[in-house]
Amino acid sequence: MEIKVPNPPSYASLVEMYKPSPATTFACLVYGPSSSGKTHFAGTFPDPFFIDADRGMRSLQDELPRVQLQKAEKPFSMVLSILQDAAVERGPWAKDGPLATRKTIVIDSVTSLIDDYMAPETMTEAKRDILNDKLSYDEYGKIKARMTALASVIKDLALTKYVVMTALVEEEKEENTGILIGKPMLTGKYRDKIMADFDETYYLEVVTPVGGGSPVYKLYAQTYRWYRAKTRLTTIKSLDDPSFKKVVSQFKVVK
């Protein structure tokens, strides 16, 4: 059945030919248990700048620029401004600015960004008690809308810079099948969409060898047990002691 659309818009001028191009920068979501090497892995990316929501950068040995969200009056606006400025190279990200040479932006972590900052922020805006009240339906919706706005900017930013977002892991059973699934830990419905907004999603964990020995940090670029992951650019299934250089060495080259 044909649906009649009044005054249908013309789209002929918008048609264009997509041409594959070499994959250079990309957006990467990294999730896993606490102390699984997420922050350390993010720190191996080129010239990183950290949006620090966790205060968990002690695993990093280098001096690196950061913004601590605990010092921001409006955390969401602060994060959005940083990403937007970096995308269009203005403010501190301008060519003569102090952050001009930064090639990677790390949000560490989105779990804390939402739970510790965005959720209380939305409740404060609604003039509700953040200690005794629970998030309302409207506040869940506001968090999802704000995370979607951040993801939209990240997609544009990832065309020129690396973007890494870390998260804790959450295990839950699917309602229909009862199958256990591991996914990034986020408050609200955006957790069901977040993996679609990133080019790469890796699951990290620490494995202790059978019989003892030093723990091994492992990165999974494809689904492992019940932990989801995805990759469009690489041929790897897993990496031991992962780093940026190890990952990109496996990238396919578009000719």
Protein backbone atom coordinates (compact mmCIF):
# COMPACT_ATOMS: atom_id res chain seq x y z
CA MET A 1 0.00 0.00 0.00
CA GLU A 2 1.39 3.37 -1.00
CA ILE A 3 1.46 5.99 1.73
CA LYS A 4 0.74 9.46 0.47
CA VAL A 5 3.22 12.05 1.74
CA PRO A 6 2.03 15.65 1.41
CA ASN A 7 4.63 17.84 -0.30
CA PRO A 8 7.33 15.16 -0.41
CA PRO A 9 10.85 16.64 -0.15
CA SER A 10 13.25 16.37 -3.06
CA TYR A 11 16.31 14.22 -2.38
CA ALA A 12 17.91 14.06 -5.84
CA SER A 13 20.50 16.72 -4.97
CA LEU A 14 21.56 14.74 -1.89
CA VAL A 15 22.46 11.55 -3.73
CA GLU A 16 26.23 10.97 -3.74
CA MET A 17 28.66 8.14 -4.34
CA TYR A 18 30.31 6.67 -1.24
CA LYS A 19 33.99 5.93 -1.79
CA PRO A 20 35.95 3.77 0.68
CA SER A 21 38.92 5.55 2.18
CA PRO A 22 41.81 4.36 4.36
CA ALA A 23 40.77 4.00 7.99
CA THR A 24 42.94 6.33 10.03
CA THR A 25 41.32 7.61 13.22
CA PHE A 26 38.36 5.90 14.85
CA ALA A 27 36.12 5.80 17.93
CA CYS A 28 36.71 2.91 20.32
CA LEU A 29 34.63 1.67 23.27
CA VAL A 30 36.56 -0.44 25.78
CA TYR A 31 34.80 -2.20 28.64
CA GLY A 32 35.66 -4.77 31.27
CA PRO A 33 35.99 -5.43 35.01
CA SER A 34 37.78 -3.07 37.35
CA SER A 35 41.60 -3.27 37.01
CA SER A 36 41.42 -5.01 33.63
CA GLY A 37 43.71 -2.48 31.94
CA LYS A 38 41.15 -0.19 30.29
CA THR A 39 42.76 3.10 31.32
CA HIS A 40 46.26 1.78 30.61
CA PHE A 41 45.18 0.67 27.11
CA ALA A 42 43.58 4.07 26.43
CA GLY A 43 46.81 5.73 27.51
CA THR A 44 48.75 3.93 24.75
CA PHE A 45 46.85 5.86 22.06
CA PRO A 46 48.72 8.76 20.41
CA ASP A 47 49.01 11.96 22.49
CA PRO A 48 45.94 11.39 24.70
CA PHE A 49 43.88 13.99 26.52
CA PHE A 50 41.74 12.60 29.37
CA ILE A 51 38.26 13.56 30.46
CA ASP A 52 38.71 12.04 33.91
CA ALA A 53 35.49 10.91 35.58
CA ASP A 54 37.04 8.01 37.51
CA ARG A 55 40.15 9.61 39.03
CA GLY A 56 41.77 6.33 38.07
CA MET A 57 44.80 7.40 36.05
CA ARG A 58 47.39 6.02 38.48
CA SER A 59 48.22 3.19 36.08
CA LEU A 60 49.66 5.74 33.65
CA GLN A 61 53.33 6.66 33.87
CA ASP A 62 53.36 9.73 31.61
CA GLU A 63 52.34 13.27 32.43
CA LEU A 64 49.15 13.88 30.44
CA PRO A 65 46.67 16.76 30.16
CA ARG A 66 43.26 16.12 31.65
CA VAL A 67 40.06 17.70 32.91
CA GLN A 68 38.73 16.30 36.19
CA LEU A 69 34.92 16.28 36.08
CA GLN A 70 34.68 16.66 39.84
CA LYS A 71 35.76 20.27 39.31
CA ALA A 72 33.06 21.01 36.71
CA GLU A 73 29.86 22.77 37.77
CA LYS A 74 27.99 21.37 34.77
CA PRO A 75 29.64 18.07 33.78
CA PHE A 76 27.56 17.33 30.68
CA SER A 77 28.07 20.80 29.24
CA MET A 78 31.78 20.56 29.99
CA VAL A 79 32.19 17.24 28.18
CA LEU A 80 30.09 18.39 25.22
CA SER A 81 32.10 21.62 24.93
CA ILE A 82 35.42 19.74 24.96
CA LEU A 83 34.29 17.39 22.19
CA GLN A 84 32.78 20.15 20.07
CA ASP A 85 35.84 22.40 20.43
CA ALA A 86 38.15 19.53 19.48
CA ALA A 87 36.01 18.68 16.44
CA VAL A 88 36.19 22.19 14.99
CA GLU A 89 39.65 23.10 16.37
CA ARG A 90 38.68 26.10 18.47
CA GLY A 91 39.58 27.37 21.92
CA PRO A 92 42.36 25.27 23.48
CA TRP A 93 42.16 22.99 20.41
CA ALA A 94 42.92 25.77 17.92
CA LYS A 95 46.12 25.40 15.93
CA ASP A 96 48.00 27.67 18.33
CA GLY A 97 46.25 26.34 21.45
CA PRO A 98 47.74 24.23 24.26
CA LEU A 99 45.82 21.11 23.13
CA ALA A 100 46.49 21.46 19.41
CA THR A 101 48.87 18.49 19.33
CA ARG A 102 46.55 16.09 21.16
CA LYS A 103 45.49 13.29 18.83
CA THR A 104 43.27 11.25 21.17
CA ILE A 105 40.44 12.11 23.54
CA VAL A 106 39.71 9.59 26.30
CA ILE A 107 36.49 9.57 28.33
CA ASP A 108 37.35 7.51 31.41
CA SER A 109 34.78 6.20 32.18
CA VAL A 110 31.25 6.55 30.81
CA THR A 111 29.99 4.44 33.73
CA SER A 112 31.15 7.09 36.18
CA LEU A 113 30.24 9.94 33.84
CA ILE A 114 26.59 8.87 34.00
CA ASP A 115 26.32 7.53 37.56
CA ASP A 116 28.46 10.10 39.37
CA TYR A 117 27.79 13.22 37.31
CA MET A 118 25.00 13.15 34.71
CA ALA A 119 22.42 11.40 36.89
CA PRO A 120 22.89 13.75 39.88
CA GLU A 121 23.00 16.70 37.48
CA THR A 122 19.60 15.86 35.96
CA MET A 123 18.08 15.33 39.41
CA THR A 124 19.45 18.65 40.63
CA GLU A 125 17.95 20.36 37.57
CA ALA A 126 14.59 18.84 38.55
CA LYS A 127 15.12 20.08 42.15
CA ARG A 128 14.97 16.57 43.60
CA ASP A 129 16.92 14.95 46.41
CA ILE A 130 19.88 13.09 44.85
CA LEU A 131 20.50 11.13 48.05
CA ASN A 132 16.99 9.84 48.76
CA ASP A 133 15.09 9.97 45.46
CA LYS A 134 15.40 7.58 42.53
CA LEU A 135 15.81 8.64 38.92
CA SER A 136 12.46 9.33 37.29
CA TYR A 137 11.35 8.24 33.81
CA ASP A 138 11.95 11.77 32.51
CA GLU A 139 15.44 11.86 33.97
CA TYR A 140 16.33 8.52 32.38
CA GLY A 141 15.13 9.99 29.10
CA LYS A 142 17.24 13.12 29.57
CA ILE A 143 20.35 11.03 30.23
CA LYS A 144 19.75 8.99 27.08
CA ALA A 145 19.21 12.15 25.02
CA ARG A 146 22.42 13.70 26.35
CA MET A 147 24.45 10.56 25.71
CA THR A 148 23.04 10.44 22.17
CA ALA A 149 24.15 14.06 21.69
CA LEU A 150 27.67 13.18 22.86
CA ALA A 151 27.75 10.18 20.52
CA SER A 152 26.78 12.37 17.56
CA VAL A 153 29.73 14.70 18.20
CA ILE A 154 32.07 11.73 18.76
CA LYS A 155 31.20 10.36 15.30
CA ASP A 156 32.29 13.65 13.72
CA LEU A 157 35.35 13.96 15.95
CA ALA A 158 36.50 10.41 15.11
CA LEU A 159 37.09 11.51 11.51
CA THR A 160 40.13 13.50 12.64
CA LYS A 161 41.05 12.20 16.11
CA TYR A 162 41.01 8.96 18.05
CA VAL A 163 38.26 8.78 20.64
CA VAL A 164 38.38 6.17 23.42
CA MET A 165 35.56 5.63 25.91
CA THR A 166 35.95 3.18 28.78
CA ALA A 167 33.23 1.45 30.81
CA LEU A 168 32.80 -1.20 33.46
CA VAL A 169 31.13 -4.50 32.51
CA GLU A 170 27.69 -5.70 33.53
CA GLU A 171 26.33 -9.22 33.21
CA GLU A 172 22.61 -9.83 32.81
CA LYS A 173 20.23 -12.42 31.38
CA GLU A 174 18.17 -11.80 28.26
CA GLU A 175 14.49 -11.70 29.16
CA ASN A 176 13.36 -14.06 26.39
CA THR A 177 16.18 -16.62 26.27
CA GLY A 178 17.75 -16.42 29.72
CA ILE A 179 21.18 -16.33 28.05
CA LEU A 180 23.82 -14.49 30.04
CA ILE A 181 25.17 -11.42 28.25
CA GLY A 182 28.04 -9.11 29.14
CA LYS A 183 27.69 -5.48 28.08
CA PRO A 184 29.00 -2.05 29.08
CA MET A 185 27.64 -0.94 32.47
CA LEU A 186 25.52 2.16 31.99
CA THR A 187 22.51 3.53 33.83
CA GLY A 188 19.53 3.89 31.49
CA LYS A 189 18.46 2.66 28.08
CA TYR A 190 21.42 4.13 26.20
CA ARG A 191 23.40 1.04 27.20
CA ASP A 192 21.45 -0.92 24.57
CA LYS A 193 22.62 1.48 21.85
CA ILE A 194 26.12 2.50 22.86
CA MET A 195 27.96 -0.25 20.96
CA ALA A 196 26.35 0.89 17.71
CA ASP A 197 27.83 4.36 18.10
CA PHE A 198 31.48 3.21 18.06
CA ASP A 199 33.63 1.85 15.24
CA GLU A 200 35.33 -0.63 17.54
CA THR A 201 34.19 -2.25 20.79
CA TYR A 202 36.65 -4.32 22.80
CA TYR A 203 36.19 -6.38 25.94
CA LEU A 204 39.18 -6.50 28.33
CA GLU A 205 39.91 -8.83 31.21
CA VAL A 206 42.81 -10.15 33.27
CA VAL A 207 43.53 -13.88 32.96
CA THR A 208 45.61 -15.81 35.51
CA PRO A 209 47.38 -18.77 33.83
CA VAL A 210 46.46 -22.25 35.02
CA GLY A 211 49.04 -23.37 37.56
CA GLY A 212 50.00 -19.83 38.48
CA GLY A 213 52.25 -17.25 36.87
CA SER A 214 51.90 -13.59 36.03
CA PRO A 215 48.41 -12.36 35.07
CA VAL A 216 47.85 -11.64 31.37
CA TYR A 217 45.82 -8.68 30.17
CA LYS A 218 43.68 -9.75 27.23
CA LEU A 219 41.69 -7.75 24.69
CA TYR A 220 38.86 -9.40 22.76
CA ALA A 221 37.81 -7.76 19.50
CA GLN A 222 35.14 -10.37 18.77
CA THR A 223 32.51 -11.92 21.02
CA TYR A 224 34.10 -13.96 23.81
CA ARG A 225 31.91 -16.30 25.86
CA TRP A 226 28.96 -14.06 26.72
CA TYR A 227 30.86 -10.78 26.40
CA ARG A 228 30.00 -8.84 23.28
CA ALA A 229 32.57 -7.10 21.11
CA LYS A 230 32.83 -5.99 17.50
CA THR A 231 35.42 -4.89 14.99
CA ARG A 232 35.13 -3.62 11.44
CA LEU A 233 38.73 -2.64 10.84
CA THR A 234 40.85 -5.43 12.25
CA THR A 235 41.45 -9.12 11.71
CA ILE A 236 42.24 -9.92 15.33
CA LYS A 237 40.12 -12.02 17.68
CA SER A 238 42.20 -11.36 20.81
CA LEU A 239 45.45 -9.75 21.90
CA ASP A 240 47.63 -10.28 24.96
CA ASP A 241 48.91 -7.18 26.78
CA PRO A 242 47.10 -4.92 24.29
CA SER A 243 48.30 -1.54 23.12
CA PHE A 244 47.39 0.89 20.38
CA LYS A 245 50.35 -0.19 18.25
CA LYS A 246 49.41 -3.87 18.54
CA VAL A 247 45.83 -3.16 17.51
CA VAL A 248 46.55 -0.96 14.50
CA SER A 249 49.19 -3.39 13.24
CA GLN A 250 46.28 -5.71 12.47
CA PHE A 251 44.19 -3.16 10.60
CA LYS A 252 43.05 -3.90 7.09
CA VAL A 253 44.21 -1.40 4.52
CA VAL A 254 41.65 0.07 2.13
CA LYS A 255 43.26 0.65 -1.26
